[in-house]
Amino acid sequence: MPQHLETAPPVARLRDVQLRYGAAQALRGITLDIPTGRMVGLIGPDGVGKSSLLALMAGARALQQGSVQVLGGDMARKAHRDAICPRIAYMPQGLGKNLYPTLSVEENLQFFARLFGHGAAERRRRIDDLTRSTGLYPFLARPAGKLSGGMKQKLGLCCALIHDPDLLILDEPTTGVDPLARAQFWELIARIRTERAHMSVIVATAYMDEAQRFDWLVAMDDGAVLATGTPQELLQRAGVDTLEEAFITLLPEARKRGHSPVVIPPLPTNGEDDIAIEAQGLTMRFGDFVAVDQVSFRIRRGEIFGFLGSNGCGKSTTMKMLTGLLPASEGRAWLFGQAVDPHDMATRRRVGYMSQAFSLYGELTVEQNLVLHARLFHVPEEQVTARVDEMLQRFALQDARATLPANLPLGMRQRLSLAVAMVHRPELLILDEPTSGVDPVARDAFWRLLVELSRRDRVTIFISTHFMNEAERCDRMSMMHAGRVLDSDTPAAL
């Protein structure tokens, strides 16, 4: 690191920062100095206060208690905010949230460049330079709303960088983005940092493999700071090999009580011919666009089968064809030996489906959601109460039975979604990216439930994920790109 950065004052200095949303306390006495010119990561699950902290530093949220100094001045002073906010670039959480979806790539960039007073020639130079370096140049005329998730994030970053900021604040910029697009995103950031050594970058992320590449980390839980330091320092302090293990180790005892590593027993050697799902040449077209192209695979009963691929590669579309939610344009699929038929409710009732968006009714309690889904799937009325009680106990939701889903922590909402998908005792469970944004402890607990369903109850589990360590837990996995399956095998063989 250059000498002038080593001795530079912190880019942000926070003292006893507290923040409330109604009765809920989002930040609890945060005191922190964030070094200048570094790539700093805030790590932790959804709901621990990362976004609130970033919004305060960006000047996007009013300070309630404590002090926040950014770029050498007090963010509580309007004059300082007016002076330094043009030196800050802020990407809020969510794919393309700082973009105008009906404007093209070119129009979005022209708009942001004009905001910062660049003339026509300078706008052209900057737009061409940024879009060539991100691979967006061939798509200048495409509306932002029609870009893939990874491309939206690259465009959002280009819009943020159009004015050469001194502080770049990124709130979970790669959540829901596939591993390849994530790698390209961080390569771009690294290249920009070599050209702008003075620029400080503060990032919130739930991906521990991403955090490994940052210069300095702030581990957070429940609105408080657990630890700070380089990735290597946190690993040494925890005495473990991975940041995911380090985060779990650093948690308070009450938060990790009962946690144990996920152990997946091998599949029984018999039963290779007991096939739960089979697809042959499955194809889906939307007009001239081929979303899924000649996909074929076989999945045995009780197997945990992973689906890994980029955003927009056809994973969710394939899953919808298998459940009968979308009729295939070509090809065939079978569930338990029966051809998939959207009108065959008897076969569809053997399937549980958990979508990317929570399939829960926000105005109903935990118990009412379970009762409703049990009746929708024709669980005999005399069995509904016992079945709901069984799900509440099995998925550790007894104490939340009268709670609305919106008031549950993310990990508990995921368990409720799984309980809803399982309330009619399906033989096949299809899970579409079920653990995005969930902390490592809750994710491991979720996986222990999946292992129990697979090995004890012989439920076949078909799961899509962006987490590589989750994909490695599957018995077999399939890699998909641009609508086609690249390869399918055990993780070790791949």
Protein backbone atom coordinates (compact mmCIF):
# COMPACT_ATOMS: atom_id res chain seq x y z
CA MET A 1 0.00 0.00 0.00
CA PRO A 2 1.32 3.51 -0.80
CA GLN A 3 2.89 5.32 2.18
CA HIS A 4 0.43 8.25 2.01
CA LEU A 5 -2.51 5.85 2.46
CA GLU A 6 -0.92 4.12 5.46
CA THR A 7 -0.78 7.45 7.34
CA ALA A 8 -4.03 8.92 5.97
CA PRO A 9 -6.91 9.58 8.38
CA PRO A 10 -9.82 7.08 8.26
CA VAL A 11 -12.22 7.54 5.34
CA ALA A 12 -15.04 7.09 7.89
CA ARG A 13 -15.07 7.40 11.67
CA LEU A 14 -18.13 6.26 13.65
CA ARG A 15 -18.67 6.74 17.36
CA ASP A 16 -21.49 5.14 19.40
CA VAL A 17 -23.84 5.05 16.39
CA GLN A 18 -27.32 3.83 17.25
CA LEU A 19 -30.33 3.53 14.96
CA ARG A 20 -33.92 2.43 15.53
CA TYR A 21 -36.80 1.57 13.21
CA GLY A 22 -39.78 1.90 15.52
CA ALA A 23 -39.25 -0.56 18.37
CA ALA A 24 -36.51 -2.47 16.52
CA GLN A 25 -32.89 -1.47 17.11
CA ALA A 26 -30.89 -1.79 13.87
CA LEU A 27 -27.52 -0.51 15.15
CA ARG A 28 -26.25 -0.86 18.71
CA GLY A 29 -23.43 1.52 19.64
CA ILE A 30 -21.21 1.06 16.56
CA THR A 31 -17.70 2.50 17.07
CA LEU A 32 -15.42 2.03 14.11
CA ASP A 33 -12.57 3.57 12.10
CA ILE A 34 -12.58 2.54 8.43
CA PRO A 35 -9.16 2.88 6.77
CA THR A 36 -8.65 4.98 3.65
CA GLY A 37 -7.80 3.51 0.25
CA ARG A 38 -8.75 -0.03 1.20
CA MET A 39 -11.36 -2.54 0.07
CA VAL A 40 -13.38 -2.92 3.27
CA GLY A 41 -16.05 -5.61 3.66
CA LEU A 42 -19.01 -5.64 6.04
CA ILE A 43 -19.85 -9.32 6.46
CA GLY A 44 -22.89 -10.91 8.04
CA PRO A 45 -26.38 -12.13 7.13
CA ASP A 46 -29.40 -10.05 6.15
CA GLY A 47 -30.87 -7.89 8.90
CA VAL A 48 -27.71 -7.34 11.00
CA GLY A 49 -27.41 -3.62 10.19
CA LYS A 50 -24.99 -3.56 7.23
CA SER A 51 -27.33 -1.63 4.91
CA SER A 52 -28.22 0.86 7.66
CA LEU A 53 -24.54 1.52 8.35
CA LEU A 54 -23.75 2.06 4.65
CA ALA A 55 -26.74 4.38 4.19
CA LEU A 56 -25.52 6.55 7.10
CA MET A 57 -22.02 6.79 5.59
CA ALA A 58 -23.47 7.62 2.16
CA GLY A 59 -25.61 10.42 3.59
CA ALA A 60 -28.77 8.62 2.49
CA ARG A 61 -30.15 8.15 6.02
CA ALA A 62 -30.43 10.62 8.89
CA LEU A 63 -28.29 10.02 11.97
CA GLN A 64 -30.28 9.44 15.18
CA GLN A 65 -27.58 8.99 17.82
CA GLY A 66 -23.77 9.10 17.88
CA SER A 67 -21.48 10.66 15.29
CA VAL A 68 -20.48 9.74 11.73
CA GLN A 69 -17.55 11.45 10.03
CA VAL A 70 -16.89 10.72 6.35
CA LEU A 71 -14.13 12.21 4.18
CA GLY A 72 -13.01 14.46 7.01
CA GLY A 73 -16.28 16.01 8.18
CA ASP A 74 -19.46 15.51 10.18
CA MET A 75 -22.32 13.89 8.21
CA ALA A 76 -24.83 15.54 10.58
CA ARG A 77 -23.90 18.91 8.98
CA LYS A 78 -25.80 19.70 5.78
CA ALA A 79 -22.96 21.87 4.48
CA HIS A 80 -20.52 18.96 4.72
CA ARG A 81 -22.97 16.53 3.09
CA ASP A 82 -23.51 18.97 0.22
CA ALA A 83 -19.76 19.32 -0.21
CA ILE A 84 -18.78 15.64 -0.18
CA CYS A 85 -21.76 13.72 -1.56
CA PRO A 86 -20.56 14.35 -5.16
CA ARG A 87 -17.35 12.52 -4.08
CA ILE A 88 -19.36 9.46 -2.99
CA ALA A 89 -20.84 6.76 -5.24
CA TYR A 90 -23.55 4.60 -3.62
CA MET A 91 -25.08 1.41 -5.05
CA PRO A 92 -28.07 0.38 -2.89
CA GLN A 93 -29.04 -3.25 -2.34
CA GLY A 94 -30.97 -4.98 -5.13
CA LEU A 95 -30.25 -5.74 -8.79
CA GLY A 96 -30.24 -2.51 -10.80
CA LYS A 97 -31.81 -0.39 -8.04
CA ASN A 98 -29.91 2.73 -9.15
CA LEU A 99 -30.97 2.29 -12.81
CA TYR A 100 -33.92 3.42 -14.92
CA PRO A 101 -35.24 0.16 -16.44
CA THR A 102 -36.91 1.73 -19.49
CA LEU A 103 -33.78 3.69 -20.45
CA SER A 104 -31.06 2.00 -22.49
CA VAL A 105 -27.54 1.34 -21.22
CA GLU A 106 -26.37 4.44 -23.14
CA GLU A 107 -29.23 6.62 -21.82
CA ASN A 108 -28.64 5.60 -18.19
CA LEU A 109 -24.95 6.46 -18.46
CA GLN A 110 -25.63 9.74 -20.28
CA PHE A 111 -28.08 10.73 -17.52
CA PHE A 112 -25.60 10.09 -14.69
CA ALA A 113 -22.74 11.77 -16.59
CA ARG A 114 -24.89 14.89 -17.12
CA LEU A 115 -25.75 14.97 -13.41
CA PHE A 116 -22.06 15.47 -12.68
CA GLY A 117 -21.61 18.15 -15.35
CA HIS A 118 -19.51 16.31 -17.92
CA GLY A 119 -19.51 17.81 -21.43
CA ALA A 120 -20.49 15.81 -24.51
CA ALA A 121 -16.94 14.77 -25.47
CA GLU A 122 -16.03 13.78 -21.91
CA ARG A 123 -19.29 11.84 -21.53
CA ARG A 124 -18.52 9.90 -24.69
CA ARG A 125 -14.99 9.10 -23.55
CA ARG A 126 -16.05 7.91 -20.10
CA ILE A 127 -19.03 5.88 -21.35
CA ASP A 128 -16.98 4.12 -24.01
CA ASP A 129 -14.14 3.42 -21.57
CA LEU A 130 -16.42 1.99 -18.85
CA THR A 131 -18.62 -0.09 -21.14
CA ARG A 132 -15.65 -1.57 -23.01
CA SER A 133 -13.99 -2.56 -19.73
CA THR A 134 -17.21 -4.21 -18.47
CA GLY A 135 -18.28 -5.92 -21.69
CA LEU A 136 -21.39 -3.72 -21.96
CA TYR A 137 -20.30 -1.86 -25.10
CA PRO A 138 -22.22 -4.17 -27.52
CA PHE A 139 -25.40 -3.59 -25.48
CA LEU A 140 -25.52 0.24 -25.40
CA ALA A 141 -28.97 0.24 -27.04
CA ARG A 142 -30.51 -2.44 -24.78
CA PRO A 143 -33.00 -1.27 -22.09
CA ALA A 144 -31.59 -1.75 -18.58
CA GLY A 145 -34.69 -3.74 -17.58
CA LYS A 146 -33.81 -6.41 -20.16
CA LEU A 147 -30.27 -7.03 -18.91
CA SER A 148 -29.32 -10.13 -16.89
CA GLY A 149 -28.66 -9.70 -13.17
CA GLY A 150 -24.89 -9.61 -13.61
CA MET A 151 -25.09 -7.08 -16.44
CA LYS A 152 -27.44 -4.84 -14.40
CA GLN A 153 -24.88 -4.77 -11.60
CA LYS A 154 -22.08 -3.92 -14.04
CA LEU A 155 -24.17 -1.07 -15.47
CA GLY A 156 -25.03 0.13 -11.95
CA LEU A 157 -21.31 0.17 -11.17
CA CYS A 158 -20.55 2.12 -14.38
CA CYS A 159 -23.18 4.71 -13.42
CA ALA A 160 -21.66 4.97 -9.95
CA LEU A 161 -18.12 5.40 -11.29
CA ILE A 162 -18.89 7.90 -14.07
CA HIS A 163 -17.70 10.82 -11.89
CA ASP A 164 -14.45 9.40 -10.39
CA PRO A 165 -15.64 9.09 -6.75
CA ASP A 166 -13.26 9.06 -3.78
CA LEU A 167 -15.55 6.67 -1.86
CA LEU A 168 -17.45 3.79 -3.48
CA ILE A 169 -20.17 2.20 -1.30
CA LEU A 170 -21.65 -1.09 -2.55
CA ASP A 171 -24.53 -2.73 -0.67
CA GLU A 172 -24.49 -6.48 -1.49
CA PRO A 173 -23.76 -5.80 -5.18
CA THR A 174 -23.55 -9.48 -6.14
CA THR A 175 -26.38 -11.11 -4.14
CA GLY A 176 -28.32 -13.29 -6.57
CA VAL A 177 -25.58 -12.98 -9.20
CA ASP A 178 -23.99 -16.17 -10.56
CA PRO A 179 -20.36 -17.11 -9.69
CA LEU A 180 -18.95 -16.18 -13.11
CA ALA A 181 -20.59 -12.73 -13.14
CA ARG A 182 -19.45 -12.22 -9.52
CA ALA A 183 -15.85 -12.99 -10.47
CA GLN A 184 -16.03 -10.58 -13.43
CA PHE A 185 -17.53 -7.87 -11.20
CA TRP A 186 -14.66 -8.07 -8.70
CA GLU A 187 -12.03 -8.23 -11.45
CA LEU A 188 -13.47 -4.95 -12.74
CA ILE A 189 -13.30 -3.37 -9.26
CA ALA A 190 -9.67 -4.55 -8.90
CA ARG A 191 -8.74 -3.04 -12.28
CA ILE A 192 -10.37 0.29 -11.38
CA ARG A 193 -8.56 0.37 -8.04
CA THR A 194 -5.17 0.03 -9.75
CA GLU A 195 -6.02 3.19 -11.72
CA ARG A 196 -7.46 5.07 -8.71
CA ALA A 197 -5.31 4.07 -5.74
CA HIS A 198 -6.82 6.81 -3.56
CA MET A 199 -10.40 5.46 -3.91
CA SER A 200 -11.84 3.75 -0.82
CA VAL A 201 -14.36 0.93 -1.33
CA ILE A 202 -16.82 -0.25 1.34
CA VAL A 203 -18.83 -3.35 0.49
CA ALA A 204 -21.54 -5.30 2.29
CA THR A 205 -21.66 -8.98 1.36
CA ALA A 206 -23.16 -12.28 2.51
CA TYR A 207 -20.67 -14.30 0.41
CA MET A 208 -17.71 -15.32 2.54
CA ASP A 209 -15.68 -16.41 -0.51
CA GLU A 210 -15.97 -12.82 -1.77
CA ALA A 211 -14.91 -11.35 1.56
CA GLN A 212 -11.70 -13.41 1.44
CA ARG A 213 -10.31 -11.04 -1.25
CA PHE A 214 -10.97 -7.80 0.71
CA ASP A 215 -8.23 -5.88 2.55
CA TRP A 216 -10.08 -5.41 5.84
CA LEU A 217 -13.29 -6.86 7.28
CA VAL A 218 -15.98 -5.85 9.77
CA ALA A 219 -17.98 -8.87 11.00
CA MET A 220 -21.46 -7.84 12.19
CA ASP A 221 -24.37 -9.51 13.96
CA ASP A 222 -27.54 -8.10 15.51
CA GLY A 223 -26.57 -4.47 14.92
CA ALA A 224 -23.15 -4.77 16.58
CA VAL A 225 -19.55 -5.32 15.50
CA LEU A 226 -18.22 -8.79 16.33
CA ALA A 227 -14.65 -8.28 15.12
CA THR A 228 -12.48 -6.32 12.68
CA GLY A 229 -9.24 -7.11 10.88
CA THR A 230 -7.78 -8.58 7.72
CA PRO A 231 -9.23 -11.90 6.54
CA GLN A 232 -6.09 -13.66 7.77
CA GLU A 233 -6.35 -12.01 11.21
CA LEU A 234 -9.97 -13.15 11.61
CA LEU A 235 -9.03 -16.71 10.58
CA GLN A 236 -6.15 -16.76 13.07
CA ARG A 237 -8.32 -15.31 15.85
CA ALA A 238 -10.97 -17.98 15.30
CA GLY A 239 -8.44 -20.77 14.68
CA VAL A 240 -10.25 -22.07 11.58
CA ASP A 241 -9.62 -22.41 7.85
CA THR A 242 -12.55 -20.53 6.26
CA LEU A 243 -14.28 -17.21 6.87
CA GLU A 244 -17.64 -18.99 7.12
CA GLU A 245 -16.28 -21.04 10.04
CA ALA A 246 -14.65 -17.91 11.50
CA PHE A 247 -17.95 -16.00 11.42
CA ILE A 248 -19.72 -18.84 13.24
CA THR A 249 -16.91 -19.01 15.82
CA LEU A 250 -17.10 -15.25 16.46
CA LEU A 251 -20.86 -15.29 17.08
CA PRO A 252 -22.12 -15.02 20.69
CA GLU A 253 -22.76 -18.41 22.29
CA ALA A 254 -26.52 -17.84 22.33
CA ARG A 255 -26.57 -17.38 18.55
CA LYS A 256 -24.66 -20.56 17.70
CA ARG A 257 -26.01 -22.82 20.43
CA GLY A 258 -26.84 -26.21 18.97
CA HIS A 259 -24.90 -25.57 15.76
CA SER A 260 -22.95 -28.47 14.30
CA PRO A 261 -21.31 -29.02 10.92
CA VAL A 262 -23.45 -30.50 8.15
CA VAL A 263 -22.74 -34.20 7.68
CA ILE A 264 -24.21 -35.89 4.61
CA PRO A 265 -24.27 -39.71 4.71
CA PRO A 266 -23.67 -41.39 1.35
CA LEU A 267 -26.64 -42.47 -0.74
CA PRO A 268 -27.54 -46.16 -0.41
CA THR A 269 -25.86 -48.22 -3.14
CA ASN A 270 -29.13 -49.88 -4.12
CA GLY A 271 -31.95 -47.98 -5.81
CA GLU A 272 -30.11 -46.64 -8.87
CA ASP A 273 -33.07 -47.60 -11.04
CA ASP A 274 -35.68 -45.96 -8.76
CA ILE A 275 -35.97 -42.72 -10.76
CA ALA A 276 -37.86 -39.74 -9.35
CA ILE A 277 -37.32 -37.23 -12.20
CA GLU A 278 -36.33 -37.74 -15.81
CA ALA A 279 -36.07 -35.15 -18.57
CA GLN A 280 -35.33 -35.80 -22.24
CA GLY A 281 -34.65 -32.93 -24.65
CA LEU A 282 -36.60 -30.46 -22.52
CA THR A 283 -36.85 -27.15 -24.44
CA MET A 284 -38.62 -23.86 -23.76
CA ARG A 285 -38.98 -21.02 -26.27
CA PHE A 286 -40.35 -17.54 -25.68
CA GLY A 287 -40.87 -16.30 -29.25
CA ASP A 288 -37.47 -16.52 -30.95
CA PHE A 289 -35.62 -16.78 -27.64
CA VAL A 290 -34.61 -20.28 -26.51
CA ALA A 291 -34.57 -20.18 -22.70
CA VAL A 292 -33.96 -23.93 -22.21
CA ASP A 293 -32.31 -25.96 -24.96
CA GLN A 294 -32.45 -29.78 -25.06
CA VAL A 295 -31.94 -30.40 -21.32
CA SER A 296 -31.75 -34.06 -20.25
CA PHE A 297 -31.04 -35.71 -16.87
CA ARG A 298 -32.19 -38.49 -14.51
CA ILE A 299 -32.46 -38.10 -10.73
CA ARG A 300 -32.96 -41.08 -8.43
CA ARG A 301 -35.30 -41.20 -5.45
CA GLY A 302 -33.77 -39.72 -2.28
CA GLU A 303 -30.95 -37.95 -4.15
CA ILE A 304 -29.88 -34.35 -3.49
CA PHE A 305 -29.32 -32.95 -6.97
CA GLY A 306 -27.82 -29.47 -7.39
CA PHE A 307 -28.42 -27.04 -10.24
CA LEU A 308 -25.68 -24.44 -10.74
CA GLY A 309 -25.68 -21.75 -13.41
CA SER A 310 -25.68 -18.08 -14.30
CA ASN A 311 -28.65 -15.74 -13.91
CA GLY A 312 -30.99 -16.18 -16.86
CA CYS A 313 -29.45 -19.51 -17.91
CA GLY A 314 -32.76 -21.37 -17.63
CA LYS A 315 -32.63 -22.99 -14.16
CA SER A 316 -35.92 -21.56 -12.89
CA THR A 317 -37.64 -22.19 -16.23
CA THR A 318 -36.53 -25.84 -16.14
CA MET A 319 -37.88 -26.19 -12.60
CA LYS A 320 -41.23 -24.72 -13.64
CA MET A 321 -41.49 -27.16 -16.55
CA LEU A 322 -40.83 -30.06 -14.16
CA THR A 323 -43.64 -28.94 -11.85
CA GLY A 324 -46.11 -28.39 -14.72
CA LEU A 325 -46.20 -24.63 -14.12
CA LEU A 326 -44.89 -24.10 -17.67
CA PRO A 327 -45.67 -26.42 -20.61
CA ALA A 328 -42.50 -27.40 -22.50
CA SER A 329 -42.11 -26.29 -26.12
CA GLU A 330 -40.31 -29.56 -26.90
CA GLY A 331 -39.11 -32.66 -25.10
CA ARG A 332 -40.63 -34.68 -22.30
CA ALA A 333 -40.34 -34.99 -18.53
CA TRP A 334 -41.49 -37.68 -16.11
CA LEU A 335 -42.14 -37.56 -12.38
CA PHE A 336 -42.14 -40.98 -10.72
CA GLY A 337 -42.64 -42.59 -14.11
CA GLN A 338 -45.65 -40.43 -15.01
CA ALA A 339 -45.38 -37.89 -17.84
CA VAL A 340 -45.57 -34.32 -16.50
CA ASP A 341 -49.07 -33.03 -17.15
CA PRO A 342 -50.17 -29.61 -15.80
CA HIS A 343 -53.69 -31.02 -15.38
CA ASP A 344 -52.62 -34.16 -13.48
CA MET A 345 -53.10 -32.95 -9.92
CA ALA A 346 -52.41 -36.38 -8.42
CA THR A 347 -48.80 -36.28 -9.68
CA ARG A 348 -48.37 -32.58 -8.89
CA ARG A 349 -49.41 -33.22 -5.27
CA ARG A 350 -46.35 -35.46 -4.96
CA VAL A 351 -44.18 -32.35 -5.53
CA GLY A 352 -43.27 -29.51 -3.15
CA TYR A 353 -41.97 -26.29 -4.74
CA MET A 354 -40.16 -23.45 -2.97
CA SER A 355 -39.64 -20.50 -5.33
CA GLN A 356 -37.03 -17.71 -5.19
CA ALA A 357 -39.69 -15.29 -3.97
CA PHE A 358 -41.31 -16.38 -0.70
CA SER A 359 -44.58 -18.14 -1.48
CA LEU A 360 -46.09 -16.98 1.82
CA TYR A 361 -49.15 -14.88 2.59
CA GLY A 362 -47.99 -11.86 4.57
CA GLU A 363 -51.37 -11.21 6.21
CA LEU A 364 -51.57 -14.79 7.57
CA THR A 365 -49.69 -16.10 10.60
CA VAL A 366 -47.18 -18.96 10.44
CA GLU A 367 -49.88 -21.42 11.49
CA GLN A 368 -52.48 -20.00 9.08
CA ASN A 369 -50.05 -20.27 6.15
CA LEU A 370 -49.51 -23.95 6.95
CA VAL A 371 -53.24 -24.62 7.34
CA LEU A 372 -54.02 -22.89 4.03
CA HIS A 373 -51.39 -24.86 2.08
CA ALA A 374 -52.45 -28.13 3.70
CA ARG A 375 -56.01 -27.52 2.46
CA LEU A 376 -54.82 -26.36 -0.98
CA PHE A 377 -53.06 -29.71 -1.37
CA HIS A 378 -56.13 -31.63 -0.14
CA VAL A 379 -54.72 -32.95 3.13
CA PRO A 380 -57.77 -34.65 4.69
CA GLU A 381 -59.50 -32.16 6.99
CA GLU A 382 -59.28 -34.47 10.02
CA GLN A 383 -55.48 -34.60 9.56
CA VAL A 384 -54.79 -30.88 9.03
CA THR A 385 -54.29 -29.91 12.69
CA ALA A 386 -51.93 -32.83 13.40
CA ARG A 387 -50.02 -32.20 10.16
CA VAL A 388 -49.54 -28.50 10.94
CA ASP A 389 -48.36 -29.33 14.48
CA GLU A 390 -45.91 -31.83 12.98
CA MET A 391 -44.46 -29.18 10.64
CA LEU A 392 -44.22 -26.59 13.43
CA GLN A 393 -42.25 -29.05 15.56
CA ARG A 394 -40.09 -30.50 12.79
CA PHE A 395 -39.00 -27.07 11.52
CA ALA A 396 -38.67 -25.48 15.00
CA LEU A 397 -41.50 -22.96 14.46
CA GLN A 398 -43.63 -23.72 17.54
CA ASP A 399 -42.85 -20.39 19.26
CA ALA A 400 -43.68 -18.43 16.09
CA ARG A 401 -47.02 -20.05 15.22
CA ALA A 402 -48.97 -16.79 15.79
CA THR A 403 -46.35 -14.54 14.11
CA LEU A 404 -46.68 -12.92 10.67
CA PRO A 405 -43.96 -13.95 8.18
CA ALA A 406 -42.68 -10.36 7.78
CA ASN A 407 -41.82 -10.30 11.50
CA LEU A 408 -39.63 -13.41 11.31
CA PRO A 409 -35.83 -13.41 10.80
CA LEU A 410 -34.81 -14.44 7.28
CA GLY A 411 -33.56 -17.88 8.34
CA MET A 412 -36.86 -18.63 10.08
CA ARG A 413 -38.84 -17.43 7.03
CA GLN A 414 -36.84 -19.90 4.95
CA ARG A 415 -37.76 -22.71 7.36
CA LEU A 416 -41.42 -21.66 7.12
CA SER A 417 -41.24 -21.72 3.31
CA LEU A 418 -39.76 -25.22 3.51
CA ALA A 419 -42.46 -26.32 5.98
CA VAL A 420 -45.15 -24.95 3.64
CA ALA A 421 -43.60 -26.87 0.73
CA MET A 422 -43.53 -30.06 2.85
CA VAL A 423 -46.91 -29.84 4.61
CA HIS A 424 -48.54 -32.28 2.14
CA ARG A 425 -45.62 -34.74 2.48
CA PRO A 426 -44.34 -34.56 -1.10
CA GLU A 427 -41.91 -37.13 -2.44
CA LEU A 428 -40.05 -34.54 -4.53
CA LEU A 429 -38.91 -31.14 -3.26
CA ILE A 430 -37.85 -28.46 -5.77
CA LEU A 431 -35.98 -25.53 -4.19
CA ASP A 432 -35.06 -22.46 -6.25
CA GLU A 433 -32.12 -20.66 -4.59
CA PRO A 434 -33.57 -21.17 -1.10
CA THR A 435 -30.72 -19.78 1.04
CA SER A 436 -29.72 -16.45 -0.59
CA GLY A 437 -28.98 -13.89 2.12
CA VAL A 438 -29.21 -16.41 5.00
CA ASP A 439 -26.42 -16.44 7.60
CA PRO A 440 -24.08 -19.47 7.83
CA VAL A 441 -25.67 -20.86 11.02
CA ALA A 442 -29.21 -20.70 9.59
CA ARG A 443 -27.99 -22.09 6.25
CA ASP A 444 -26.38 -25.10 7.94
CA ALA A 445 -29.57 -25.69 9.95
CA PHE A 446 -31.57 -25.57 6.71
CA TRP A 447 -29.23 -28.12 5.11
CA ARG A 448 -29.49 -30.48 8.07
CA LEU A 449 -33.26 -30.50 7.46
CA LEU A 450 -32.66 -31.30 3.77
CA VAL A 451 -30.31 -34.16 4.66
CA GLU A 452 -32.89 -35.60 7.06
CA LEU A 453 -35.62 -35.37 4.41
CA SER A 454 -33.37 -37.03 1.83
CA ARG A 455 -31.84 -39.83 3.87
CA ARG A 456 -34.56 -40.60 6.41
CA ASP A 457 -37.72 -39.92 4.37
CA ARG A 458 -36.23 -40.61 0.91
CA VAL A 459 -37.49 -37.26 -0.40
CA THR A 460 -35.80 -36.35 -3.68
CA ILE A 461 -34.36 -32.82 -3.53
CA PHE A 462 -33.69 -30.73 -6.63
CA ILE A 463 -31.97 -27.48 -5.55
CA SER A 464 -30.56 -24.50 -7.45
CA THR A 465 -27.90 -22.41 -5.72
CA HIS A 466 -25.22 -19.75 -6.23
CA PHE A 467 -23.19 -20.93 -3.20
CA MET A 468 -20.33 -23.19 -4.30
CA ASN A 469 -20.01 -24.82 -0.86
CA GLU A 470 -23.71 -25.74 -1.08
CA ALA A 471 -23.24 -27.25 -4.53
CA GLU A 472 -20.43 -29.39 -3.11
CA ARG A 473 -22.87 -30.88 -0.59
CA CYS A 474 -25.07 -32.34 -3.34
CA ASP A 475 -24.86 -36.01 -4.33
CA ARG A 476 -24.67 -34.89 -7.94
CA MET A 477 -24.89 -31.52 -9.64
CA SER A 478 -25.58 -30.15 -13.09
CA MET A 479 -23.88 -27.07 -14.52
CA MET A 480 -26.04 -24.99 -16.86
CA HIS A 481 -25.19 -22.09 -19.18
CA ALA A 482 -27.26 -20.26 -21.83
CA GLY A 483 -30.09 -22.77 -21.59
CA ARG A 484 -27.91 -25.88 -22.00
CA VAL A 485 -26.49 -28.40 -19.53
CA LEU A 486 -22.68 -28.33 -19.70
CA ASP A 487 -22.09 -31.42 -17.54
CA SER A 488 -23.64 -33.48 -14.73
CA ASP A 489 -21.74 -35.59 -12.20
CA THR A 490 -20.68 -35.76 -8.57
CA PRO A 491 -19.02 -32.54 -7.33
CA ALA A 492 -15.71 -34.36 -6.86
CA ALA A 493 -15.77 -35.74 -10.41
CA LEU A 494 -16.63 -32.32 -11.87
